[in-house]
Amino acid sequence: MPRPPRCRRVCSLPVSAAFEPIDGAQSDDVIVMGIDEYEVIRLIDWVGLTQEQCAAQINVARTTVTGIYDSARHKLADALIHGKRLVIEGGHIQVCERSGTCCHTCCRAGKKNTKENDPNE
């Protein structure tokens, strides 16, 4: 029996939870992206974290982040190429208690391993 999925920490929920083509030539298909997939795309592509930093931030293994990232990119590509509606919802998540005010200084991934904040140095 597989172990239950680990709760994934996200900094905030998406501002818009659905996207669709406006040209009227859209497909009836809907792509559902999990909030954890959205968070991985946000952290890696928007914030600029590495997969290792992203894994520390959302509280999963780096290999798990790789799988989530691949899945999210595939869903984005499918929605863009085929004109499908993209909905962001669901997942086993925990929203950060500082949601909306977080500037990544309170997050584990925001703390870079430098001499100023490395307790081992």
C-alpha atoms as a PDB file:
ATOM      1  CA  MET A   1       0.000   0.000   0.000  1.00  0.00           C
ATOM      2  CA  PRO A   2       1.492   3.382  -0.964  1.00  0.00           C
ATOM      3  CA  ARG A   3       2.008   5.912   1.771  1.00  0.00           C
ATOM      4  CA  PRO A   4      -0.360   8.893   1.876  1.00  0.00           C
ATOM      5  CA  PRO A   5       0.779  12.036   0.055  1.00  0.00           C
ATOM      6  CA  ARG A   6       2.634  14.586   2.146  1.00  0.00           C
ATOM      7  CA  CYS A   7       0.843  17.876   2.707  1.00  0.00           C
ATOM      8  CA  ARG A   8       2.429  20.508   0.453  1.00  0.00           C
ATOM      9  CA  ARG A   9       2.962  24.036   1.727  1.00  0.00           C
ATOM     10  CA  VAL A  10       1.977  26.906  -0.587  1.00  0.00           C
ATOM     11  CA  CYS A  11       2.537  30.612   0.023  1.00  0.00           C
ATOM     12  CA  SER A  12      -0.772  31.733  -1.446  1.00  0.00           C
ATOM     13  CA  LEU A  13      -3.651  30.643  -3.608  1.00  0.00           C
ATOM     14  CA  PRO A  14      -3.714  31.808  -7.245  1.00  0.00           C
ATOM     15  CA  VAL A  15      -5.333  35.180  -7.936  1.00  0.00           C
ATOM     16  CA  SER A  16      -7.186  33.675 -10.900  1.00  0.00           C
ATOM     17  CA  ALA A  17      -8.214  30.055 -10.713  1.00  0.00           C
ATOM     18  CA  ALA A  18      -9.331  29.616 -14.339  1.00  0.00           C
ATOM     19  CA  PHE A  19      -7.985  30.642 -17.735  1.00  0.00           C
ATOM     20  CA  GLU A  20      -9.533  30.114 -21.133  1.00  0.00           C
ATOM     21  CA  PRO A  21      -9.018  31.282 -24.705  1.00  0.00           C
ATOM     22  CA  ILE A  22     -10.984  34.397 -25.652  1.00  0.00           C
ATOM     23  CA  ASP A  23     -11.126  33.790 -29.392  1.00  0.00           C
ATOM     24  CA  GLY A  24     -14.175  31.517 -29.175  1.00  0.00           C
ATOM     25  CA  ALA A  25     -12.399  28.577 -30.842  1.00  0.00           C
ATOM     26  CA  GLN A  26     -11.884  26.723 -27.606  1.00  0.00           C
ATOM     27  CA  SER A  27     -12.173  23.051 -26.910  1.00  0.00           C
ATOM     28  CA  ASP A  28     -14.788  21.677 -24.524  1.00  0.00           C
ATOM     29  CA  ASP A  29     -11.989  19.930 -22.651  1.00  0.00           C
ATOM     30  CA  VAL A  30     -10.807  21.283 -19.325  1.00  0.00           C
ATOM     31  CA  ILE A  31      -7.305  20.842 -17.918  1.00  0.00           C
ATOM     32  CA  VAL A  32      -7.216  20.713 -14.107  1.00  0.00           C
ATOM     33  CA  MET A  33      -3.940  21.796 -12.540  1.00  0.00           C
ATOM     34  CA  GLY A  34      -3.457  21.234  -8.819  1.00  0.00           C
ATOM     35  CA  ILE A  35      -2.550  24.122  -6.547  1.00  0.00           C
ATOM     36  CA  ASP A  36       0.714  22.335  -5.759  1.00  0.00           C
ATOM     37  CA  GLU A  37       1.535  22.279  -9.492  1.00  0.00           C
ATOM     38  CA  TYR A  38       0.743  25.998  -9.702  1.00  0.00           C
ATOM     39  CA  GLU A  39       3.017  26.653  -6.700  1.00  0.00           C
ATOM     40  CA  VAL A  40       5.924  24.734  -8.236  1.00  0.00           C
ATOM     41  CA  ILE A  41       5.591  26.683 -11.517  1.00  0.00           C
ATOM     42  CA  ARG A  42       5.424  29.935  -9.527  1.00  0.00           C
ATOM     43  CA  LEU A  43       8.465  29.134  -7.391  1.00  0.00           C
ATOM     44  CA  ILE A  44      10.693  27.817 -10.176  1.00  0.00           C
ATOM     45  CA  ASP A  45       9.685  29.942 -13.176  1.00  0.00           C
ATOM     46  CA  TRP A  46       8.535  33.174 -11.508  1.00  0.00           C
ATOM     47  CA  VAL A  47      10.493  33.431  -8.246  1.00  0.00           C
ATOM     48  CA  GLY A  48      13.564  31.722  -9.732  1.00  0.00           C
ATOM     49  CA  LEU A  49      14.216  29.041  -7.134  1.00  0.00           C
ATOM     50  CA  THR A  50      16.042  25.843  -7.923  1.00  0.00           C
ATOM     51  CA  GLN A  51      14.169  22.567  -7.681  1.00  0.00           C
ATOM     52  CA  GLU A  52      15.998  21.851  -4.423  1.00  0.00           C
ATOM     53  CA  GLN A  53      14.953  25.197  -2.909  1.00  0.00           C
ATOM     54  CA  CYS A  54      11.415  24.665  -4.168  1.00  0.00           C
ATOM     55  CA  ALA A  55      11.317  21.240  -2.526  1.00  0.00           C
ATOM     56  CA  ALA A  56      12.381  22.763   0.806  1.00  0.00           C
ATOM     57  CA  GLN A  57       9.722  25.436   0.442  1.00  0.00           C
ATOM     58  CA  ILE A  58       6.778  23.144  -0.252  1.00  0.00           C
ATOM     59  CA  ASN A  59       8.049  20.425   2.101  1.00  0.00           C
ATOM     60  CA  VAL A  60       8.572  17.506  -0.305  1.00  0.00           C
ATOM     61  CA  ALA A  61      11.548  15.698  -1.853  1.00  0.00           C
ATOM     62  CA  ARG A  62      13.356  17.195  -4.839  1.00  0.00           C
ATOM     63  CA  THR A  63      12.405  14.196  -6.974  1.00  0.00           C
ATOM     64  CA  THR A  64       8.753  14.888  -6.135  1.00  0.00           C
ATOM     65  CA  VAL A  65       9.185  18.499  -7.278  1.00  0.00           C
ATOM     66  CA  THR A  66      10.622  17.233 -10.564  1.00  0.00           C
ATOM     67  CA  GLY A  67       7.512  15.109 -11.162  1.00  0.00           C
ATOM     68  CA  ILE A  68       5.133  17.911 -10.158  1.00  0.00           C
ATOM     69  CA  TYR A  69       6.994  20.385 -12.404  1.00  0.00           C
ATOM     70  CA  ASP A  70       6.909  18.042 -15.413  1.00  0.00           C
ATOM     71  CA  SER A  71       3.194  17.422 -14.938  1.00  0.00           C
ATOM     72  CA  ALA A  72       2.425  21.144 -14.580  1.00  0.00           C
ATOM     73  CA  ARG A  73       4.434  22.064 -17.692  1.00  0.00           C
ATOM     74  CA  HIS A  74       2.664  19.360 -19.701  1.00  0.00           C
ATOM     75  CA  LYS A  75      -0.740  20.671 -18.604  1.00  0.00           C
ATOM     76  CA  LEU A  76       0.198  24.270 -19.452  1.00  0.00           C
ATOM     77  CA  ALA A  77       1.417  23.228 -22.889  1.00  0.00           C
ATOM     78  CA  ASP A  78      -1.735  21.190 -23.554  1.00  0.00           C
ATOM     79  CA  ALA A  79      -3.970  24.120 -22.586  1.00  0.00           C
ATOM     80  CA  LEU A  80      -2.017  26.606 -24.730  1.00  0.00           C
ATOM     81  CA  ILE A  81      -1.567  24.419 -27.795  1.00  0.00           C
ATOM     82  CA  HIS A  82      -5.071  22.971 -27.916  1.00  0.00           C
ATOM     83  CA  GLY A  83      -7.009  26.005 -26.663  1.00  0.00           C
ATOM     84  CA  LYS A  84      -8.337  24.234 -23.593  1.00  0.00           C
ATOM     85  CA  ARG A  85      -9.651  25.847 -20.441  1.00  0.00           C
ATOM     86  CA  LEU A  86      -7.176  25.646 -17.530  1.00  0.00           C
ATOM     87  CA  VAL A  87      -8.565  25.384 -13.989  1.00  0.00           C
ATOM     88  CA  ILE A  88      -6.325  25.532 -10.904  1.00  0.00           C
ATOM     89  CA  GLU A  89      -7.806  23.721  -7.920  1.00  0.00           C
ATOM     90  CA  GLY A  90      -7.403  20.948  -5.403  1.00  0.00           C
ATOM     91  CA  GLY A  91      -4.535  19.040  -3.949  1.00  0.00           C
ATOM     92  CA  HIS A  92      -3.304  18.088  -0.512  1.00  0.00           C
ATOM     93  CA  ILE A  93      -2.024  21.532   0.513  1.00  0.00           C
ATOM     94  CA  GLN A  94      -1.452  23.760   3.507  1.00  0.00           C
ATOM     95  CA  VAL A  95      -1.553  27.523   2.847  1.00  0.00           C
ATOM     96  CA  CYS A  96       1.188  29.509   4.607  1.00  0.00           C
ATOM     97  CA  GLU A  97      -0.013  31.394   7.670  1.00  0.00           C
ATOM     98  CA  ARG A  98       1.605  34.539   6.225  1.00  0.00           C
ATOM     99  CA  SER A  99      -0.241  34.196   2.929  1.00  0.00           C
ATOM    100  CA  GLY A 100      -0.380  37.445   0.991  1.00  0.00           C
ATOM    101  CA  THR A 101       2.277  39.176   3.100  1.00  0.00           C
ATOM    102  CA  CYS A 102       5.145  36.735   2.575  1.00  0.00           C
ATOM    103  CA  CYS A 103       8.245  38.174   0.946  1.00  0.00           C
ATOM    104  CA  HIS A 104      10.103  34.837   1.099  1.00  0.00           C
ATOM    105  CA  THR A 105      12.255  35.964   4.032  1.00  0.00           C
ATOM    106  CA  CYS A 106      10.083  33.903   6.389  1.00  0.00           C
ATOM    107  CA  CYS A 107      10.154  30.870   4.109  1.00  0.00           C
ATOM    108  CA  ARG A 108      12.809  28.182   4.195  1.00  0.00           C
ATOM    109  CA  ALA A 109      13.488  28.531   0.465  1.00  0.00           C
ATOM    110  CA  GLY A 110      13.971  32.291   0.777  1.00  0.00           C
ATOM    111  CA  LYS A 111      16.892  31.812   3.126  1.00  0.00           C
ATOM    112  CA  LYS A 112      19.910  31.366   0.889  1.00  0.00           C
ATOM    113  CA  ASN A 113      22.874  29.463   2.258  1.00  0.00           C
ATOM    114  CA  THR A 114      25.204  32.426   2.754  1.00  0.00           C
ATOM    115  CA  LYS A 115      27.776  33.233   5.455  1.00  0.00           C
ATOM    116  CA  GLU A 116      25.432  35.881   6.929  1.00  0.00           C
ATOM    117  CA  ASN A 117      22.660  33.414   7.776  1.00  0.00           C
ATOM    118  CA  ASP A 118      24.407  30.030   7.822  1.00  0.00           C
ATOM    119  CA  PRO A 119      24.609  28.890  11.469  1.00  0.00           C
ATOM    120  CA  ASN A 120      27.440  26.467  10.620  1.00  0.00           C
ATOM    121  CA  GLU A 121      29.817  29.196   9.534  1.00  0.00           C
END
